[in-house]
Amino acid sequence: MFSIRTATLADVPHITHIYNQGIEDGIATLEYPLKTESDMRVWFDTHGERYPVIIATRGDEVIGWAALNPYSHRCAYDGVADLSVYVRRDQRGAGLGQLLMQEIEQRAVLHSFHKIVLFALTANEAGRRLYDRRGFREVGIFREQGRLNGQYVDVLIMEKIVKNT
């Protein structure tokens, strides 16, 4: 049984480990090199109440996390959040991503967001299926948007309106 709660500073080592799995897999992010706990603490510290970081646990184990991130510093985009969602390798495929996304979408509405956007590597087929199931709409593809392992790769852009104003 999974449980979802707001992340605390004590969760940063687990968040770091799971994020680094995404970096190592080469289909979840263009980030490199692997992140240190110090790197992720800086990231965590930029997330206040409006930009929650949540974790999923089973017992005492952190097995996944999701976050809303600022999309832009421009005030016109105050109602738009960027999504991050990562599940520990050995927990993928069990429906945890769905639960994390459901909870983070509810929190987005509570914090007056109108839309969530995400950027995913086109090679991330499991992620794409998850986003489709959650009702995200494909906006387009940035061709050769970033470098991964020395090669330019395409990045998928998706969006979901979470609140009508």
N, C-alpha and C. Protein backbone atom coordinates (compact mmCIF):
# COMPACT_ATOMS: atom_id res chain seq x y z
N MET A 1 0.83 -1.19 0.00
CA MET A 1 0.00 0.00 0.00
C MET A 1 0.87 1.25 0.00
N PHE A 2 0.54 2.18 -0.85
CA PHE A 2 1.29 3.42 -0.96
C PHE A 2 0.68 4.50 -0.08
N SER A 3 1.53 5.41 0.35
CA SER A 3 1.07 6.59 1.07
C SER A 3 1.76 7.79 0.44
N ILE A 4 1.06 8.90 0.33
CA ILE A 4 1.63 10.10 -0.26
C ILE A 4 1.57 11.22 0.76
N ARG A 5 2.68 11.96 0.88
CA ARG A 5 2.74 13.08 1.81
C ARG A 5 3.67 14.15 1.25
N THR A 6 3.62 15.32 1.88
CA THR A 6 4.53 16.40 1.53
C THR A 6 5.95 16.01 1.93
N ALA A 7 6.89 16.26 1.06
CA ALA A 7 8.28 15.94 1.33
C ALA A 7 8.85 16.89 2.37
N THR A 8 9.83 16.41 3.10
CA THR A 8 10.58 17.22 4.06
C THR A 8 12.04 17.18 3.68
N LEU A 9 12.82 18.01 4.34
CA LEU A 9 14.26 18.05 4.10
C LEU A 9 14.89 16.67 4.30
N ALA A 10 14.37 15.90 5.23
CA ALA A 10 14.90 14.56 5.49
C ALA A 10 14.72 13.61 4.30
N ASP A 11 13.82 13.96 3.38
CA ASP A 11 13.56 13.12 2.21
C ASP A 11 14.51 13.40 1.05
N VAL A 12 15.28 14.48 1.13
CA VAL A 12 16.14 14.88 0.02
C VAL A 12 17.11 13.76 -0.41
N PRO A 13 17.73 12.99 0.49
CA PRO A 13 18.60 11.91 0.01
C PRO A 13 17.85 10.89 -0.86
N HIS A 14 16.62 10.58 -0.50
CA HIS A 14 15.83 9.62 -1.28
C HIS A 14 15.41 10.23 -2.62
N ILE A 15 15.01 11.50 -2.60
CA ILE A 15 14.66 12.21 -3.83
C ILE A 15 15.86 12.22 -4.77
N THR A 16 17.03 12.50 -4.22
CA THR A 16 18.27 12.53 -5.01
C THR A 16 18.53 11.17 -5.65
N HIS A 17 18.42 10.11 -4.87
CA HIS A 17 18.67 8.76 -5.38
C HIS A 17 17.73 8.43 -6.54
N ILE A 18 16.46 8.71 -6.36
CA ILE A 18 15.47 8.39 -7.40
C ILE A 18 15.70 9.26 -8.64
N TYR A 19 16.00 10.53 -8.44
CA TYR A 19 16.27 11.41 -9.58
C TYR A 19 17.51 10.92 -10.35
N ASN A 20 18.54 10.52 -9.62
CA ASN A 20 19.75 10.02 -10.29
C ASN A 20 19.47 8.75 -11.09
N GLN A 21 18.53 7.94 -10.66
CA GLN A 21 18.14 6.79 -11.48
C GLN A 21 17.58 7.27 -12.81
N GLY A 22 16.79 8.34 -12.78
CA GLY A 22 16.25 8.91 -14.01
C GLY A 22 17.35 9.44 -14.92
N ILE A 23 18.37 10.04 -14.33
CA ILE A 23 19.51 10.52 -15.12
C ILE A 23 20.23 9.33 -15.75
N GLU A 24 20.48 8.31 -14.95
CA GLU A 24 21.21 7.13 -15.44
C GLU A 24 20.46 6.41 -16.54
N ASP A 25 19.14 6.35 -16.46
CA ASP A 25 18.35 5.66 -17.47
C ASP A 25 18.43 6.31 -18.84
N GLY A 26 18.64 7.62 -18.86
CA GLY A 26 18.80 8.31 -20.12
C GLY A 26 17.51 8.54 -20.90
N ILE A 27 16.34 8.35 -20.25
CA ILE A 27 15.08 8.62 -20.95
C ILE A 27 14.17 9.55 -20.16
N ALA A 28 14.59 9.96 -18.98
CA ALA A 28 13.71 10.75 -18.12
C ALA A 28 14.09 12.22 -18.05
N THR A 29 15.32 12.56 -18.33
CA THR A 29 15.76 13.95 -18.21
C THR A 29 17.03 14.16 -19.03
N LEU A 30 17.25 15.40 -19.41
CA LEU A 30 18.49 15.76 -20.09
C LEU A 30 19.57 16.15 -19.09
N GLU A 31 19.25 16.12 -17.82
CA GLU A 31 20.21 16.50 -16.79
C GLU A 31 21.42 15.57 -16.76
N TYR A 32 22.56 16.13 -16.47
CA TYR A 32 23.78 15.39 -16.15
C TYR A 32 24.74 16.41 -15.59
N PRO A 33 25.70 16.07 -14.84
CA PRO A 33 25.98 14.74 -14.31
C PRO A 33 25.00 14.40 -13.19
N LEU A 34 25.25 13.26 -12.52
CA LEU A 34 24.41 12.88 -11.38
C LEU A 34 24.41 14.01 -10.36
N LYS A 35 23.31 14.15 -9.65
CA LYS A 35 23.15 15.22 -8.67
C LYS A 35 23.61 14.77 -7.29
N THR A 36 24.17 15.70 -6.56
CA THR A 36 24.53 15.44 -5.18
C THR A 36 23.34 15.82 -4.29
N GLU A 37 23.37 15.38 -3.06
CA GLU A 37 22.33 15.79 -2.12
C GLU A 37 22.35 17.30 -1.94
N SER A 38 23.52 17.90 -2.00
CA SER A 38 23.64 19.35 -1.88
C SER A 38 22.93 20.04 -3.06
N ASP A 39 23.13 19.52 -4.27
CA ASP A 39 22.44 20.06 -5.45
C ASP A 39 20.93 20.01 -5.26
N MET A 40 20.46 18.88 -4.81
CA MET A 40 19.02 18.69 -4.66
C MET A 40 18.45 19.46 -3.48
N ARG A 41 19.27 19.73 -2.49
CA ARG A 41 18.79 20.56 -1.38
C ARG A 41 18.55 21.98 -1.88
N VAL A 42 19.42 22.49 -2.72
CA VAL A 42 19.21 23.82 -3.31
C VAL A 42 17.91 23.82 -4.09
N TRP A 43 17.69 22.79 -4.91
CA TRP A 43 16.44 22.67 -5.67
C TRP A 43 15.25 22.61 -4.72
N PHE A 44 15.34 21.78 -3.68
CA PHE A 44 14.25 21.61 -2.72
C PHE A 44 13.94 22.93 -2.03
N ASP A 45 14.95 23.68 -1.67
CA ASP A 45 14.77 24.94 -0.96
C ASP A 45 14.06 26.00 -1.80
N THR A 46 14.03 25.84 -3.13
CA THR A 46 13.32 26.79 -3.99
C THR A 46 11.83 26.48 -4.06
N HIS A 47 11.43 25.38 -3.48
CA HIS A 47 10.03 24.97 -3.51
C HIS A 47 9.37 25.35 -2.19
N GLY A 48 8.49 26.32 -2.28
CA GLY A 48 7.74 26.72 -1.11
C GLY A 48 6.38 26.06 -1.12
N GLU A 49 5.47 26.61 -0.39
CA GLU A 49 4.13 26.03 -0.28
C GLU A 49 3.43 25.96 -1.64
N ARG A 50 3.61 26.97 -2.47
CA ARG A 50 2.91 27.00 -3.76
C ARG A 50 3.47 25.98 -4.74
N TYR A 51 4.72 25.62 -4.57
CA TYR A 51 5.37 24.65 -5.45
C TYR A 51 5.73 23.41 -4.64
N PRO A 52 4.73 22.57 -4.36
CA PRO A 52 4.96 21.44 -3.47
C PRO A 52 5.84 20.35 -4.08
N VAL A 53 6.53 19.68 -3.20
CA VAL A 53 7.23 18.44 -3.52
C VAL A 53 6.55 17.38 -2.66
N ILE A 54 6.09 16.31 -3.30
CA ILE A 54 5.43 15.24 -2.57
C ILE A 54 6.21 13.95 -2.78
N ILE A 55 6.06 13.05 -1.83
CA ILE A 55 6.71 11.76 -1.96
C ILE A 55 5.68 10.65 -1.74
N ALA A 56 5.99 9.51 -2.34
CA ALA A 56 5.21 8.31 -2.11
C ALA A 56 6.07 7.36 -1.30
N THR A 57 5.44 6.75 -0.31
CA THR A 57 6.14 5.80 0.53
C THR A 57 5.38 4.48 0.59
N ARG A 58 6.12 3.46 0.88
CA ARG A 58 5.53 2.17 1.25
C ARG A 58 6.27 1.78 2.52
N GLY A 59 5.54 1.78 3.62
CA GLY A 59 6.20 1.62 4.90
C GLY A 59 7.09 2.82 5.14
N ASP A 60 8.35 2.57 5.45
CA ASP A 60 9.31 3.66 5.68
C ASP A 60 10.12 4.01 4.44
N GLU A 61 9.87 3.34 3.32
CA GLU A 61 10.66 3.55 2.11
C GLU A 61 10.06 4.63 1.22
N VAL A 62 10.88 5.56 0.77
CA VAL A 62 10.47 6.54 -0.24
C VAL A 62 10.64 5.86 -1.59
N ILE A 63 9.55 5.78 -2.36
CA ILE A 63 9.60 5.03 -3.62
C ILE A 63 9.25 5.87 -4.85
N GLY A 64 8.94 7.14 -4.64
CA GLY A 64 8.66 8.03 -5.77
C GLY A 64 8.42 9.44 -5.28
N TRP A 65 8.49 10.37 -6.20
CA TRP A 65 8.23 11.76 -5.85
C TRP A 65 7.71 12.53 -7.06
N ALA A 66 7.06 13.64 -6.77
CA ALA A 66 6.58 14.55 -7.81
C ALA A 66 6.70 15.97 -7.27
N ALA A 67 6.79 16.92 -8.19
CA ALA A 67 6.91 18.32 -7.78
C ALA A 67 6.30 19.22 -8.83
N LEU A 68 5.79 20.34 -8.35
CA LEU A 68 5.44 21.45 -9.23
C LEU A 68 6.60 22.42 -9.17
N ASN A 69 7.01 22.89 -10.34
CA ASN A 69 8.15 23.80 -10.45
C ASN A 69 7.70 25.07 -11.16
N PRO A 70 8.36 26.18 -10.87
CA PRO A 70 8.03 27.39 -11.62
C PRO A 70 8.28 27.18 -13.12
N TYR A 71 7.35 27.66 -13.92
CA TYR A 71 7.49 27.56 -15.36
C TYR A 71 8.29 28.74 -15.91
N SER A 72 8.03 29.91 -15.40
CA SER A 72 8.68 31.12 -15.88
C SER A 72 8.71 32.16 -14.77
N HIS A 73 9.68 33.05 -14.84
CA HIS A 73 9.73 34.15 -13.86
C HIS A 73 8.76 35.27 -14.24
N ARG A 74 8.20 35.25 -15.43
CA ARG A 74 7.29 36.30 -15.87
C ARG A 74 5.92 36.14 -15.22
N CYS A 75 5.38 37.24 -14.73
CA CYS A 75 4.11 37.19 -13.99
C CYS A 75 2.95 36.71 -14.86
N ALA A 76 3.03 36.86 -16.16
CA ALA A 76 1.95 36.40 -17.04
C ALA A 76 1.77 34.88 -16.96
N TYR A 77 2.81 34.17 -16.53
CA TYR A 77 2.76 32.72 -16.43
C TYR A 77 2.59 32.23 -15.00
N ASP A 78 2.11 33.10 -14.13
CA ASP A 78 1.93 32.75 -12.72
C ASP A 78 0.98 31.56 -12.53
N GLY A 79 0.09 31.34 -13.46
CA GLY A 79 -0.87 30.25 -13.35
C GLY A 79 -0.42 28.96 -14.00
N VAL A 80 0.85 28.89 -14.41
CA VAL A 80 1.39 27.72 -15.09
C VAL A 80 2.51 27.11 -14.24
N ALA A 81 2.43 25.81 -14.02
CA ALA A 81 3.48 25.09 -13.29
C ALA A 81 4.07 24.02 -14.20
N ASP A 82 5.33 23.75 -14.00
CA ASP A 82 6.05 22.69 -14.69
C ASP A 82 6.05 21.46 -13.79
N LEU A 83 5.89 20.27 -14.36
CA LEU A 83 5.77 19.03 -13.60
C LEU A 83 7.05 18.21 -13.64
N SER A 84 7.40 17.64 -12.49
CA SER A 84 8.42 16.59 -12.39
C SER A 84 7.77 15.41 -11.69
N VAL A 85 8.01 14.20 -12.20
CA VAL A 85 7.54 12.99 -11.52
C VAL A 85 8.53 11.87 -11.78
N TYR A 86 8.96 11.23 -10.70
CA TYR A 86 9.96 10.17 -10.79
C TYR A 86 9.58 9.03 -9.84
N VAL A 87 9.74 7.80 -10.32
CA VAL A 87 9.43 6.61 -9.53
C VAL A 87 10.69 5.74 -9.49
N ARG A 88 10.97 5.22 -8.32
CA ARG A 88 12.14 4.36 -8.15
C ARG A 88 12.06 3.19 -9.12
N ARG A 89 13.20 2.82 -9.69
CA ARG A 89 13.24 1.78 -10.73
C ARG A 89 12.46 0.53 -10.36
N ASP A 90 12.68 0.03 -9.16
CA ASP A 90 12.06 -1.25 -8.80
C ASP A 90 10.59 -1.13 -8.45
N GLN A 91 10.02 0.08 -8.57
CA GLN A 91 8.61 0.30 -8.27
C GLN A 91 7.80 0.72 -9.49
N ARG A 92 8.45 0.83 -10.62
CA ARG A 92 7.78 1.28 -11.84
C ARG A 92 6.78 0.24 -12.33
N GLY A 93 5.69 0.72 -12.90
CA GLY A 93 4.69 -0.16 -13.47
C GLY A 93 3.62 -0.62 -12.49
N ALA A 94 3.66 -0.11 -11.26
CA ALA A 94 2.69 -0.54 -10.24
C ALA A 94 1.59 0.48 -10.00
N GLY A 95 1.52 1.53 -10.82
CA GLY A 95 0.47 2.54 -10.67
C GLY A 95 0.85 3.71 -9.78
N LEU A 96 2.08 3.73 -9.32
CA LEU A 96 2.53 4.80 -8.42
C LEU A 96 2.57 6.15 -9.13
N GLY A 97 2.99 6.17 -10.37
CA GLY A 97 3.03 7.43 -11.13
C GLY A 97 1.66 8.06 -11.21
N GLN A 98 0.63 7.24 -11.45
CA GLN A 98 -0.76 7.73 -11.51
C GLN A 98 -1.15 8.40 -10.20
N LEU A 99 -0.83 7.75 -9.08
CA LEU A 99 -1.20 8.31 -7.77
C LEU A 99 -0.46 9.61 -7.49
N LEU A 100 0.82 9.66 -7.81
CA LEU A 100 1.59 10.88 -7.61
C LEU A 100 1.03 12.02 -8.45
N MET A 101 0.71 11.72 -9.70
CA MET A 101 0.19 12.76 -10.58
C MET A 101 -1.20 13.23 -10.14
N GLN A 102 -2.02 12.31 -9.70
CA GLN A 102 -3.35 12.69 -9.21
C GLN A 102 -3.21 13.66 -8.03
N GLU A 103 -2.35 13.34 -7.11
CA GLU A 103 -2.16 14.20 -5.93
C GLU A 103 -1.54 15.55 -6.30
N ILE A 104 -0.55 15.55 -7.17
CA ILE A 104 0.10 16.82 -7.51
C ILE A 104 -0.86 17.70 -8.30
N GLU A 105 -1.74 17.11 -9.12
CA GLU A 105 -2.74 17.90 -9.84
C GLU A 105 -3.73 18.52 -8.86
N GLN A 106 -4.14 17.79 -7.84
CA GLN A 106 -5.04 18.35 -6.83
C GLN A 106 -4.37 19.51 -6.10
N ARG A 107 -3.11 19.36 -5.81
CA ARG A 107 -2.39 20.45 -5.14
C ARG A 107 -2.21 21.65 -6.06
N ALA A 108 -2.07 21.40 -7.34
CA ALA A 108 -1.97 22.50 -8.29
C ALA A 108 -3.24 23.35 -8.26
N VAL A 109 -4.38 22.69 -8.23
CA VAL A 109 -5.65 23.41 -8.16
C VAL A 109 -5.73 24.19 -6.85
N LEU A 110 -5.35 23.58 -5.74
CA LEU A 110 -5.38 24.27 -4.44
C LEU A 110 -4.51 25.52 -4.43
N HIS A 111 -3.44 25.50 -5.21
CA HIS A 111 -2.52 26.64 -5.25
C HIS A 111 -2.77 27.55 -6.45
N SER A 112 -3.99 27.47 -6.97
CA SER A 112 -4.47 28.39 -8.02
C SER A 112 -3.72 28.31 -9.33
N PHE A 113 -3.22 27.13 -9.66
CA PHE A 113 -2.64 26.97 -10.99
C PHE A 113 -3.77 26.68 -11.98
N HIS A 114 -3.59 27.15 -13.17
CA HIS A 114 -4.54 26.95 -14.25
C HIS A 114 -4.10 25.79 -15.15
N LYS A 115 -2.79 25.63 -15.28
CA LYS A 115 -2.26 24.66 -16.23
C LYS A 115 -0.97 24.05 -15.68
N ILE A 116 -0.76 22.79 -16.04
CA ILE A 116 0.51 22.12 -15.78
C ILE A 116 1.11 21.78 -17.14
N VAL A 117 2.38 22.05 -17.30
CA VAL A 117 3.10 21.68 -18.51
C VAL A 117 4.21 20.70 -18.14
N LEU A 118 4.63 19.94 -19.11
CA LEU A 118 5.76 19.05 -18.89
C LEU A 118 6.54 18.92 -20.18
N PHE A 119 7.79 18.59 -20.00
CA PHE A 119 8.70 18.37 -21.11
C PHE A 119 9.29 16.98 -20.90
N ALA A 120 9.13 16.10 -21.88
CA ALA A 120 9.58 14.71 -21.75
C ALA A 120 10.37 14.31 -22.98
N LEU A 121 11.33 13.45 -22.77
CA LEU A 121 12.05 12.92 -23.90
C LEU A 121 11.12 12.02 -24.70
N THR A 122 11.18 12.11 -26.01
CA THR A 122 10.29 11.31 -26.84
C THR A 122 10.53 9.82 -26.67
N ALA A 123 11.71 9.43 -26.22
CA ALA A 123 12.03 8.02 -25.99
C ALA A 123 11.36 7.47 -24.73
N ASN A 124 10.80 8.33 -23.90
CA ASN A 124 10.20 7.90 -22.63
C ASN A 124 8.75 7.45 -22.88
N GLU A 125 8.60 6.25 -23.44
CA GLU A 125 7.29 5.74 -23.80
C GLU A 125 6.40 5.49 -22.58
N ALA A 126 6.97 4.99 -21.49
CA ALA A 126 6.17 4.74 -20.29
C ALA A 126 5.65 6.07 -19.73
N GLY A 127 6.49 7.08 -19.72
CA GLY A 127 6.06 8.39 -19.26
C GLY A 127 4.94 8.94 -20.14
N ARG A 128 5.09 8.79 -21.41
CA ARG A 128 4.08 9.30 -22.35
C ARG A 128 2.73 8.62 -22.12
N ARG A 129 2.75 7.31 -21.89
CA ARG A 129 1.50 6.59 -21.60
C ARG A 129 0.87 7.12 -20.31
N LEU A 130 1.69 7.37 -19.31
CA LEU A 130 1.20 7.91 -18.04
C LEU A 130 0.56 9.27 -18.25
N TYR A 131 1.23 10.14 -18.97
CA TYR A 131 0.70 11.49 -19.20
C TYR A 131 -0.58 11.45 -20.01
N ASP A 132 -0.63 10.56 -20.99
CA ASP A 132 -1.87 10.40 -21.77
C ASP A 132 -3.02 9.96 -20.88
N ARG A 133 -2.77 8.98 -20.03
CA ARG A 133 -3.82 8.49 -19.11
C ARG A 133 -4.30 9.57 -18.16
N ARG A 134 -3.43 10.51 -17.81
CA ARG A 134 -3.80 11.60 -16.90
C ARG A 134 -4.43 12.77 -17.65
N GLY A 135 -4.62 12.64 -18.95
CA GLY A 135 -5.33 13.66 -19.70
C GLY A 135 -4.46 14.80 -20.22
N PHE A 136 -3.15 14.61 -20.25
CA PHE A 136 -2.29 15.63 -20.83
C PHE A 136 -2.40 15.58 -22.34
N ARG A 137 -2.32 16.74 -22.95
CA ARG A 137 -2.44 16.90 -24.40
C ARG A 137 -1.07 17.20 -24.99
N GLU A 138 -0.74 16.52 -26.07
CA GLU A 138 0.52 16.80 -26.75
C GLU A 138 0.42 18.14 -27.46
N VAL A 139 1.35 19.01 -27.18
CA VAL A 139 1.41 20.32 -27.81
C VAL A 139 2.31 20.28 -29.03
N GLY A 140 3.41 19.57 -28.92
CA GLY A 140 4.34 19.47 -30.03
C GLY A 140 5.65 18.86 -29.59
N ILE A 141 6.59 18.88 -30.50
CA ILE A 141 7.91 18.32 -30.24
C ILE A 141 8.96 19.35 -30.62
N PHE A 142 9.84 19.63 -29.67
CA PHE A 142 11.03 20.41 -29.97
C PHE A 142 12.03 19.45 -30.61
N ARG A 143 12.38 19.67 -31.84
CA ARG A 143 13.34 18.82 -32.54
C ARG A 143 14.76 19.18 -32.10
N GLU A 144 15.52 18.13 -31.80
CA GLU A 144 16.92 18.28 -31.42
C GLU A 144 17.09 19.39 -30.39
N GLN A 145 16.33 19.30 -29.31
CA GLN A 145 16.25 20.34 -28.29
C GLN A 145 17.45 20.36 -27.35
N GLY A 146 17.97 19.21 -27.03
CA GLY A 146 19.08 19.14 -26.08
C GLY A 146 19.97 17.97 -26.39
N ARG A 147 21.12 17.97 -25.72
CA ARG A 147 22.08 16.89 -25.96
C ARG A 147 22.00 15.86 -24.84
N LEU A 148 22.05 14.61 -25.24
CA LEU A 148 22.08 13.49 -24.32
C LEU A 148 23.08 12.48 -24.86
N ASN A 149 24.08 12.18 -24.07
CA ASN A 149 25.14 11.26 -24.50
C ASN A 149 25.75 11.67 -25.84
N GLY A 150 25.94 12.98 -26.00
CA GLY A 150 26.59 13.50 -27.20
C GLY A 150 25.71 13.63 -28.42
N GLN A 151 24.44 13.28 -28.31
CA GLN A 151 23.52 13.35 -29.45
C GLN A 151 22.38 14.31 -29.13
N TYR A 152 21.94 15.07 -30.13
CA TYR A 152 20.76 15.90 -29.95
C TYR A 152 19.52 15.01 -29.95
N VAL A 153 18.60 15.29 -29.03
CA VAL A 153 17.38 14.49 -28.90
C VAL A 153 16.16 15.40 -28.93
N ASP A 154 15.02 14.80 -29.28
CA ASP A 154 13.75 15.52 -29.34
C ASP A 154 13.09 15.54 -27.96
N VAL A 155 12.35 16.61 -27.70
CA VAL A 155 11.65 16.77 -26.43
C VAL A 155 10.17 17.04 -26.71
N LEU A 156 9.32 16.24 -26.09
CA LEU A 156 7.88 16.34 -26.21
C LEU A 156 7.36 17.38 -25.23
N ILE A 157 6.45 18.22 -25.67
CA ILE A 157 5.79 19.21 -24.81
C ILE A 157 4.34 18.77 -24.64
N MET A 158 3.88 18.74 -23.36
CA MET A 158 2.49 18.37 -23.08
C MET A 158 1.92 19.35 -22.07
N GLU A 159 0.59 19.44 -22.04
CA GLU A 159 -0.07 20.36 -21.12
C GLU A 159 -1.40 19.77 -20.66
N LYS A 160 -1.85 20.27 -19.52
CA LYS A 160 -3.16 19.91 -19.01
C LYS A 160 -3.73 21.11 -18.26
N ILE A 161 -4.93 21.50 -18.66
CA ILE A 161 -5.65 22.54 -17.92
C ILE A 161 -6.22 21.86 -16.68
N VAL A 162 -5.88 22.40 -15.52
CA VAL A 162 -6.35 21.77 -14.28
C VAL A 162 -7.42 22.61 -13.57
N LYS A 163 -7.58 23.84 -14.02
CA LYS A 163 -8.58 24.70 -13.38
C LYS A 163 -9.11 25.68 -14.42
N ASN A 164 -10.40 25.76 -14.52
CA ASN A 164 -11.00 26.76 -15.41
C ASN A 164 -11.26 28.02 -14.62
N THR A 165 -10.84 29.16 -15.19
CA THR A 165 -11.06 30.44 -14.50
C THR A 165 -12.14 31.24 -15.20
